[in-house]
């Protein structure tokens, strides 16, 4: 899926989104209503994101490692 630009993974009980790092063309990502606690330097993995929805997760921090 190297040419995916928009992805909706809301309501899936995801605990992390590290597996998305290879989607370099991704610009819109909805991971709302999951159980994500950490983003682990998401900005360095998904640098082309312009629209990100993280609502209703269990985020403890927005800082990477």
Protein backbone atom coordinates (compact mmCIF):
# COMPACT_ATOMS: atom_id res chain seq x y z
CA UNK A 1 0.00 0.00 0.00
CA UNK A 2 2.70 2.56 -0.78
CA UNK A 3 0.33 5.13 -2.34
CA UNK A 4 -2.23 5.41 0.46
CA UNK A 5 -3.01 9.05 1.24
CA UNK A 6 -5.96 8.73 3.62
CA UNK A 7 -6.58 6.03 6.21
CA UNK A 8 -9.34 5.61 8.79
CA UNK A 9 -8.49 3.14 11.55
CA UNK A 10 -10.91 4.45 14.16
CA UNK A 11 -12.73 2.07 16.54
CA UNK A 12 -10.24 -0.80 16.17
CA UNK A 13 -8.73 -1.23 19.66
CA UNK A 14 -5.27 -0.33 18.34
CA UNK A 15 -2.59 0.08 20.99
CA UNK A 16 0.04 1.63 18.70
CA UNK A 17 0.47 2.78 15.13
CA UNK A 18 4.14 1.98 14.58
CA UNK A 19 3.26 -0.32 11.69
CA UNK A 20 2.20 2.70 9.61
CA UNK A 21 5.70 4.11 9.29
CA UNK A 22 6.10 2.73 5.77
CA UNK A 23 3.13 4.70 4.39
CA UNK A 24 5.21 7.65 3.26
CA UNK A 25 2.42 9.22 1.17
CA UNK A 26 -0.09 9.22 4.04
CA UNK A 27 -1.48 12.71 4.69
CA UNK A 28 -4.72 11.99 6.57
CA UNK A 29 -4.96 9.56 9.47
CA UNK A 30 -7.87 8.89 11.80
CA UNK A 31 -7.02 6.64 14.74
CA UNK A 32 -9.69 7.93 17.08
CA UNK A 33 -11.47 5.68 19.58
CA UNK A 34 -8.61 3.22 20.08
CA UNK A 35 -6.39 2.51 23.09
CA UNK A 36 -3.20 4.23 21.94
CA UNK A 37 -1.08 5.37 24.90
CA UNK A 38 2.11 6.64 23.23
CA UNK A 39 3.06 8.13 19.90
CA UNK A 40 6.80 7.30 20.07
CA UNK A 41 8.12 10.07 17.81
CA UNK A 42 5.27 9.72 15.33
CA UNK A 43 6.34 12.92 13.56
CA UNK A 44 9.63 11.32 12.49
CA UNK A 45 7.84 8.31 11.03
CA UNK A 46 4.87 9.97 9.38
CA UNK A 47 6.27 13.32 8.34
CA UNK A 48 3.67 14.02 5.63
CA UNK A 49 0.62 13.92 7.91
CA UNK A 50 -1.42 17.11 7.64
CA UNK A 51 -4.65 15.86 9.25
CA UNK A 52 -4.43 13.64 12.34
CA UNK A 53 -7.31 12.60 14.59
CA UNK A 54 -6.32 11.06 17.94
CA UNK A 55 -9.56 11.73 19.84
CA UNK A 56 -10.67 9.35 22.57
CA UNK A 57 -7.47 7.39 23.02
CA UNK A 58 -5.54 6.82 26.25
CA UNK A 59 -2.59 9.07 25.45
CA UNK A 60 -0.21 9.56 28.36
CA UNK A 61 2.18 11.91 26.56
CA UNK A 62 2.76 13.49 23.17
CA UNK A 63 6.54 13.39 23.54
CA UNK A 64 8.63 10.84 21.70
CA UNK A 65 11.50 8.94 23.26
